[in-house]
Amino acid sequence: MIRATLDVFGGLYEMLRMGVISRFKLRGEYWAWRTHTAFPDGDPPTGHSKPRLALEYFMWAHRIRKLR
């Protein structure tokens, strides 16, 4: 329970951190590449929302940075 909560806050931190690094240019080269690699067909799988998938990605990025 505590680890899941920390992962959510860590994911939100990573989202803010990557936003600052990319100067919030969400249509920039990095984000276009990231979207293309995440959704090769252009759309997320049915039943999934982009905000939820984005949070899951940033939670993963947080765990990777902490090597857990």
PDB file of N, CA and C in Angstrom:
ATOM      1  N   MET A   1       0.824  -1.201   0.000  1.00  0.00           N
ATOM      2  CA  MET A   1       0.000   0.000   0.000  1.00  0.00           C
ATOM      3  C   MET A   1       0.861   1.255   0.000  1.00  0.00           C
ATOM      4  N   ILE A   2       1.842   1.284   0.894  1.00  0.00           N
ATOM      5  CA  ILE A   2       2.706   2.456   0.970  1.00  0.00           C
ATOM      6  C   ILE A   2       3.558   2.561  -0.290  1.00  0.00           C
ATOM      7  N   ARG A   3       4.069   1.426  -0.781  1.00  0.00           N
ATOM      8  CA  ARG A   3       4.891   1.447  -1.994  1.00  0.00           C
ATOM      9  C   ARG A   3       4.073   1.962  -3.183  1.00  0.00           C
ATOM     10  N   ALA A   4       2.816   1.536  -3.295  1.00  0.00           N
ATOM     11  CA  ALA A   4       1.960   1.987  -4.399  1.00  0.00           C
ATOM     12  C   ALA A   4       1.736   3.498  -4.315  1.00  0.00           C
ATOM     13  N   THR A   5       1.527   3.999  -3.124  1.00  0.00           N
ATOM     14  CA  THR A   5       1.339   5.444  -2.929  1.00  0.00           C
ATOM     15  C   THR A   5       2.603   6.205  -3.298  1.00  0.00           C
ATOM     16  N   LEU A   6       3.746   5.682  -2.876  1.00  0.00           N
ATOM     17  CA  LEU A   6       5.021   6.318  -3.218  1.00  0.00           C
ATOM     18  C   LEU A   6       5.261   6.281  -4.722  1.00  0.00           C
ATOM     19  N   ASP A   7       4.856   5.189  -5.376  1.00  0.00           N
ATOM     20  CA  ASP A   7       5.003   5.101  -6.828  1.00  0.00           C
ATOM     21  C   ASP A   7       4.151   6.155  -7.536  1.00  0.00           C
ATOM     22  N   VAL A   8       2.950   6.394  -7.033  1.00  0.00           N
ATOM     23  CA  VAL A   8       2.078   7.414  -7.647  1.00  0.00           C
ATOM     24  C   VAL A   8       2.711   8.792  -7.491  1.00  0.00           C
ATOM     25  N   PHE A   9       3.162   9.128  -6.272  1.00  0.00           N
ATOM     26  CA  PHE A   9       3.797  10.432  -6.064  1.00  0.00           C
ATOM     27  C   PHE A   9       5.105  10.535  -6.842  1.00  0.00           C
ATOM     28  N   GLY A  10       5.855   9.442  -6.899  1.00  0.00           N
ATOM     29  CA  GLY A  10       7.078   9.439  -7.692  1.00  0.00           C
ATOM     30  C   GLY A  10       6.779   9.627  -9.164  1.00  0.00           C
ATOM     31  N   GLY A  11       5.697   9.000  -9.650  1.00  0.00           N
ATOM     32  CA  GLY A  11       5.288   9.168 -11.035  1.00  0.00           C
ATOM     33  C   GLY A  11       4.890  10.598 -11.339  1.00  0.00           C
ATOM     34  N   LEU A  12       4.181  11.222 -10.422  1.00  0.00           N
ATOM     35  CA  LEU A  12       3.802  12.623 -10.604  1.00  0.00           C
ATOM     36  C   LEU A  12       5.033  13.526 -10.608  1.00  0.00           C
ATOM     37  N   TYR A  13       5.997  13.193  -9.749  1.00  0.00           N
ATOM     38  CA  TYR A  13       7.255  13.946  -9.731  1.00  0.00           C
ATOM     39  C   TYR A  13       7.989  13.800 -11.069  1.00  0.00           C
ATOM     40  N   GLU A  14       8.059  12.566 -11.592  1.00  0.00           N
ATOM     41  CA  GLU A  14       8.724  12.338 -12.871  1.00  0.00           C
ATOM     42  C   GLU A  14       8.010  13.081 -14.004  1.00  0.00           C
ATOM     43  N   MET A  15       6.679  13.126 -13.936  1.00  0.00           N
ATOM     44  CA  MET A  15       5.908  13.847 -14.946  1.00  0.00           C
ATOM     45  C   MET A  15       6.290  15.328 -14.928  1.00  0.00           C
ATOM     46  N   LEU A  16       6.340  15.901 -13.750  1.00  0.00           N
ATOM     47  CA  LEU A  16       6.718  17.305 -13.619  1.00  0.00           C
ATOM     48  C   LEU A  16       8.165  17.504 -14.058  1.00  0.00           C
ATOM     49  N   ARG A  17       9.050  16.616 -13.644  1.00  0.00           N
ATOM     50  CA  ARG A  17      10.467  16.720 -13.990  1.00  0.00           C
ATOM     51  C   ARG A  17      10.671  16.670 -15.502  1.00  0.00           C
ATOM     52  N   MET A  18      10.036  15.705 -16.177  1.00  0.00           N
ATOM     53  CA  MET A  18      10.195  15.591 -17.619  1.00  0.00           C
ATOM     54  C   MET A  18       9.525  16.755 -18.342  1.00  0.00           C
ATOM     55  N   GLY A  19       8.460  17.276 -17.752  1.00  0.00           N
ATOM     56  CA  GLY A  19       7.832  18.463 -18.329  1.00  0.00           C
ATOM     57  C   GLY A  19       8.761  19.660 -18.284  1.00  0.00           C
ATOM     58  N   VAL A  20       9.441  19.844 -17.155  1.00  0.00           N
ATOM     59  CA  VAL A  20      10.388  20.953 -17.018  1.00  0.00           C
ATOM     60  C   VAL A  20      11.550  20.767 -17.982  1.00  0.00           C
ATOM     61  N   ILE A  21      12.090  19.544 -18.051  1.00  0.00           N
ATOM     62  CA  ILE A  21      13.218  19.271 -18.949  1.00  0.00           C
ATOM     63  C   ILE A  21      12.848  19.574 -20.397  1.00  0.00           C
ATOM     64  N   SER A  22      11.621  19.187 -20.800  1.00  0.00           N
ATOM     65  CA  SER A  22      11.199  19.421 -22.193  1.00  0.00           C
ATOM     66  C   SER A  22      10.542  20.786 -22.375  1.00  0.00           C
ATOM     67  N   ARG A  23      10.586  21.609 -21.316  1.00  0.00           N
ATOM     68  CA  ARG A  23       9.990  22.951 -21.322  1.00  0.00           C
ATOM     69  C   ARG A  23       8.504  22.917 -21.681  1.00  0.00           C
ATOM     70  N   PHE A  24       7.856  21.837 -21.299  1.00  0.00           N
ATOM     71  CA  PHE A  24       6.420  21.635 -21.507  1.00  0.00           C
ATOM     72  C   PHE A  24       6.020  21.736 -22.972  1.00  0.00           C
ATOM     73  N   LYS A  25       6.953  21.430 -23.856  1.00  0.00           N
ATOM     74  CA  LYS A  25       6.649  21.372 -25.289  1.00  0.00           C
ATOM     75  C   LYS A  25       6.133  19.973 -25.592  1.00  0.00           C
ATOM     76  N   LEU A  26       4.862  19.761 -25.317  1.00  0.00           N
ATOM     77  CA  LEU A  26       4.276  18.433 -25.438  1.00  0.00           C
ATOM     78  C   LEU A  26       4.133  17.974 -26.878  1.00  0.00           C
ATOM     79  N   ARG A  27       4.341  18.862 -27.809  1.00  0.00           N
ATOM     80  CA  ARG A  27       4.303  18.501 -29.220  1.00  0.00           C
ATOM     81  C   ARG A  27       5.722  18.448 -29.808  1.00  0.00           C
ATOM     82  N   GLY A  28       6.721  18.434 -28.919  1.00  0.00           N
ATOM     83  CA  GLY A  28       8.111  18.397 -29.360  1.00  0.00           C
ATOM     84  C   GLY A  28       8.531  17.024 -29.856  1.00  0.00           C
ATOM     85  N   GLU A  29       9.784  16.921 -30.264  1.00  0.00           N
ATOM     86  CA  GLU A  29      10.307  15.680 -30.845  1.00  0.00           C
ATOM     87  C   GLU A  29      10.263  14.506 -29.871  1.00  0.00           C
ATOM     88  N   TYR A  30      10.664  14.737 -28.611  1.00  0.00           N
ATOM     89  CA  TYR A  30      10.681  13.642 -27.638  1.00  0.00           C
ATOM     90  C   TYR A  30       9.292  13.075 -27.429  1.00  0.00           C
ATOM     91  N   TRP A  31       8.323  13.941 -27.206  1.00  0.00           N
ATOM     92  CA  TRP A  31       6.975  13.459 -26.915  1.00  0.00           C
ATOM     93  C   TRP A  31       6.334  12.815 -28.137  1.00  0.00           C
ATOM     94  N   ALA A  32       6.653  13.310 -29.328  1.00  0.00           N
ATOM     95  CA  ALA A  32       6.149  12.664 -30.550  1.00  0.00           C
ATOM     96  C   ALA A  32       6.725  11.253 -30.667  1.00  0.00           C
ATOM     97  N   TRP A  33       8.028  11.121 -30.394  1.00  0.00           N
ATOM     98  CA  TRP A  33       8.668   9.802 -30.425  1.00  0.00           C
ATOM     99  C   TRP A  33       8.075   8.890 -29.363  1.00  0.00           C
ATOM    100  N   ARG A  34       7.898   9.424 -28.154  1.00  0.00           N
ATOM    101  CA  ARG A  34       7.364   8.616 -27.040  1.00  0.00           C
ATOM    102  C   ARG A  34       5.948   8.123 -27.364  1.00  0.00           C
ATOM    103  N   THR A  35       5.120   8.993 -27.911  1.00  0.00           N
ATOM    104  CA  THR A  35       3.753   8.609 -28.269  1.00  0.00           C
ATOM    105  C   THR A  35       3.759   7.565 -29.369  1.00  0.00           C
ATOM    106  N   HIS A  36       4.639   7.743 -30.349  1.00  0.00           N
ATOM    107  CA  HIS A  36       4.706   6.778 -31.451  1.00  0.00           C
ATOM    108  C   HIS A  36       5.166   5.402 -30.966  1.00  0.00           C
ATOM    109  N   THR A  37       6.138   5.368 -30.064  1.00  0.00           N
ATOM    110  CA  THR A  37       6.611   4.071 -29.576  1.00  0.00           C
ATOM    111  C   THR A  37       5.594   3.423 -28.641  1.00  0.00           C
ATOM    112  N   ALA A  38       4.847   4.231 -27.904  1.00  0.00           N
ATOM    113  CA  ALA A  38       3.839   3.678 -26.995  1.00  0.00           C
ATOM    114  C   ALA A  38       2.600   3.212 -27.739  1.00  0.00           C
ATOM    115  N   PHE A  39       2.216   3.954 -28.772  1.00  0.00           N
ATOM    116  CA  PHE A  39       1.000   3.643 -29.529  1.00  0.00           C
ATOM    117  C   PHE A  39       1.312   3.638 -31.013  1.00  0.00           C
ATOM    118  N   PRO A  40       1.887   2.560 -31.536  1.00  0.00           N
ATOM    119  CA  PRO A  40       2.256   2.539 -32.962  1.00  0.00           C
ATOM    120  C   PRO A  40       1.068   2.773 -33.890  1.00  0.00           C
ATOM    121  N   ASP A  41      -0.129   2.377 -33.460  1.00  0.00           N
ATOM    122  CA  ASP A  41      -1.317   2.583 -34.282  1.00  0.00           C
ATOM    123  C   ASP A  41      -1.875   3.990 -34.132  1.00  0.00           C
ATOM    124  N   GLY A  42      -1.358   4.743 -33.179  1.00  0.00           N
ATOM    125  CA  GLY A  42      -1.810   6.111 -32.980  1.00  0.00           C
ATOM    126  C   GLY A  42      -2.786   6.301 -31.835  1.00  0.00           C
ATOM    127  N   ASP A  43      -3.441   5.241 -31.397  1.00  0.00           N
ATOM    128  CA  ASP A  43      -4.423   5.343 -30.319  1.00  0.00           C
ATOM    129  C   ASP A  43      -4.119   4.319 -29.237  1.00  0.00           C
ATOM    130  N   PRO A  44      -4.459   4.662 -27.965  1.00  0.00           N
ATOM    131  CA  PRO A  44      -4.266   3.679 -26.901  1.00  0.00           C
ATOM    132  C   PRO A  44      -5.246   2.517 -27.071  1.00  0.00           C
ATOM    133  N   PRO A  45      -4.946   1.376 -26.459  1.00  0.00           N
ATOM    134  CA  PRO A  45      -5.874   0.240 -26.539  1.00  0.00           C
ATOM    135  C   PRO A  45      -7.258   0.625 -26.016  1.00  0.00           C
ATOM    136  N   THR A  46      -8.273  -0.036 -26.509  1.00  0.00           N
ATOM    137  CA  THR A  46      -9.645   0.243 -26.087  1.00  0.00           C
ATOM    138  C   THR A  46      -9.782   0.027 -24.577  1.00  0.00           C
ATOM    139  N   GLY A  47     -10.499   0.918 -23.942  1.00  0.00           N
ATOM    140  CA  GLY A  47     -10.732   0.790 -22.513  1.00  0.00           C
ATOM    141  C   GLY A  47      -9.657   1.441 -21.661  1.00  0.00           C
ATOM    142  N   HIS A  48      -8.639   2.003 -22.266  1.00  0.00           N
ATOM    143  CA  HIS A  48      -7.581   2.681 -21.521  1.00  0.00           C
ATOM    144  C   HIS A  48      -7.621   4.167 -21.840  1.00  0.00           C
ATOM    145  N   SER A  49      -7.398   4.971 -20.822  1.00  0.00           N
ATOM    146  CA  SER A  49      -7.358   6.416 -21.063  1.00  0.00           C
ATOM    147  C   SER A  49      -5.899   6.870 -21.126  1.00  0.00           C
ATOM    148  N   LYS A  50      -5.640   7.870 -21.924  1.00  0.00           N
ATOM    149  CA  LYS A  50      -4.269   8.369 -22.064  1.00  0.00           C
ATOM    150  C   LYS A  50      -3.711   8.900 -20.738  1.00  0.00           C
ATOM    151  N   PRO A  51      -4.499   9.623 -19.932  1.00  0.00           N
ATOM    152  CA  PRO A  51      -3.927  10.074 -18.654  1.00  0.00           C
ATOM    153  C   PRO A  51      -3.507   8.907 -17.751  1.00  0.00           C
ATOM    154  N   ARG A  52      -4.302   7.855 -17.706  1.00  0.00           N
ATOM    155  CA  ARG A  52      -3.954   6.700 -16.875  1.00  0.00           C
ATOM    156  C   ARG A  52      -2.701   6.022 -17.410  1.00  0.00           C
ATOM    157  N   LEU A  53      -2.609   5.854 -18.719  1.00  0.00           N
ATOM    158  CA  LEU A  53      -1.425   5.246 -19.315  1.00  0.00           C
ATOM    159  C   LEU A  53      -0.197   6.119 -19.104  1.00  0.00           C
ATOM    160  N   ALA A  54      -0.364   7.436 -19.166  1.00  0.00           N
ATOM    161  CA  ALA A  54       0.758   8.349 -18.930  1.00  0.00           C
ATOM    162  C   ALA A  54       1.250   8.208 -17.497  1.00  0.00           C
ATOM    163  N   LEU A  55       0.328   8.146 -16.545  1.00  0.00           N
ATOM    164  CA  LEU A  55       0.723   7.984 -15.144  1.00  0.00           C
ATOM    165  C   LEU A  55       1.459   6.663 -14.952  1.00  0.00           C
ATOM    166  N   GLU A  56       0.979   5.592 -15.573  1.00  0.00           N
ATOM    167  CA  GLU A  56       1.667   4.309 -15.467  1.00  0.00           C
ATOM    168  C   GLU A  56       3.079   4.401 -16.035  1.00  0.00           C
ATOM    169  N   TYR A  57       3.259   5.116 -17.142  1.00  0.00           N
ATOM    170  CA  TYR A  57       4.587   5.295 -17.727  1.00  0.00           C
ATOM    171  C   TYR A  57       5.497   6.054 -16.758  1.00  0.00           C
ATOM    172  N   PHE A  58       5.005   7.140 -16.176  1.00  0.00           N
ATOM    173  CA  PHE A  58       5.845   7.924 -15.280  1.00  0.00           C
ATOM    174  C   PHE A  58       6.124   7.182 -13.979  1.00  0.00           C
ATOM    175  N   MET A  59       5.191   6.350 -13.531  1.00  0.00           N
ATOM    176  CA  MET A  59       5.470   5.509 -12.366  1.00  0.00           C
ATOM    177  C   MET A  59       6.582   4.522 -12.699  1.00  0.00           C
ATOM    178  N   TRP A  60       6.536   3.957 -13.907  1.00  0.00           N
ATOM    179  CA  TRP A  60       7.598   3.054 -14.357  1.00  0.00           C
ATOM    180  C   TRP A  60       8.926   3.802 -14.411  1.00  0.00           C
ATOM    181  N   ALA A  61       8.919   5.027 -14.961  1.00  0.00           N
ATOM    182  CA  ALA A  61      10.142   5.825 -15.052  1.00  0.00           C
ATOM    183  C   ALA A  61      10.708   6.094 -13.660  1.00  0.00           C
ATOM    184  N   HIS A  62       9.833   6.344 -12.708  1.00  0.00           N
ATOM    185  CA  HIS A  62      10.270   6.571 -11.318  1.00  0.00           C
ATOM    186  C   HIS A  62      10.928   5.321 -10.753  1.00  0.00           C
ATOM    187  N   ARG A  63      10.293   4.169 -10.963  1.00  0.00           N
ATOM    188  CA  ARG A  63      10.866   2.914 -10.445  1.00  0.00           C
ATOM    189  C   ARG A  63      12.211   2.612 -11.104  1.00  0.00           C
ATOM    190  N   ILE A  64      12.324   2.867 -12.399  1.00  0.00           N
ATOM    191  CA  ILE A  64      13.578   2.620 -13.102  1.00  0.00           C
ATOM    192  C   ILE A  64      14.688   3.528 -12.549  1.00  0.00           C
ATOM    193  N   ARG A  65      14.361   4.792 -12.325  1.00  0.00           N
ATOM    194  CA  ARG A  65      15.374   5.710 -11.782  1.00  0.00           C
ATOM    195  C   ARG A  65      15.834   5.272 -10.395  1.00  0.00           C
ATOM    196  N   LYS A  66      14.944   4.657  -9.632  1.00  0.00           N
ATOM    197  CA  LYS A  66      15.288   4.193  -8.291  1.00  0.00           C
ATOM    198  C   LYS A  66      15.810   2.752  -8.304  1.00  0.00           C
ATOM    199  N   LEU A  67      15.810   2.120  -9.491  1.00  0.00           N
ATOM    200  CA  LEU A  67      16.246   0.732  -9.679  1.00  0.00           C
ATOM    201  C   LEU A  67      15.521  -0.238  -8.758  1.00  0.00           C
ATOM    202  N   ARG A  68      14.182  -0.156  -8.769  1.00  0.00           N
ATOM    203  CA  ARG A  68      13.398  -1.138  -8.017  1.00  0.00           C
ATOM    204  C   ARG A  68      12.401  -1.777  -8.925  1.00  0.00           C
TER     205      ARG A  68
END
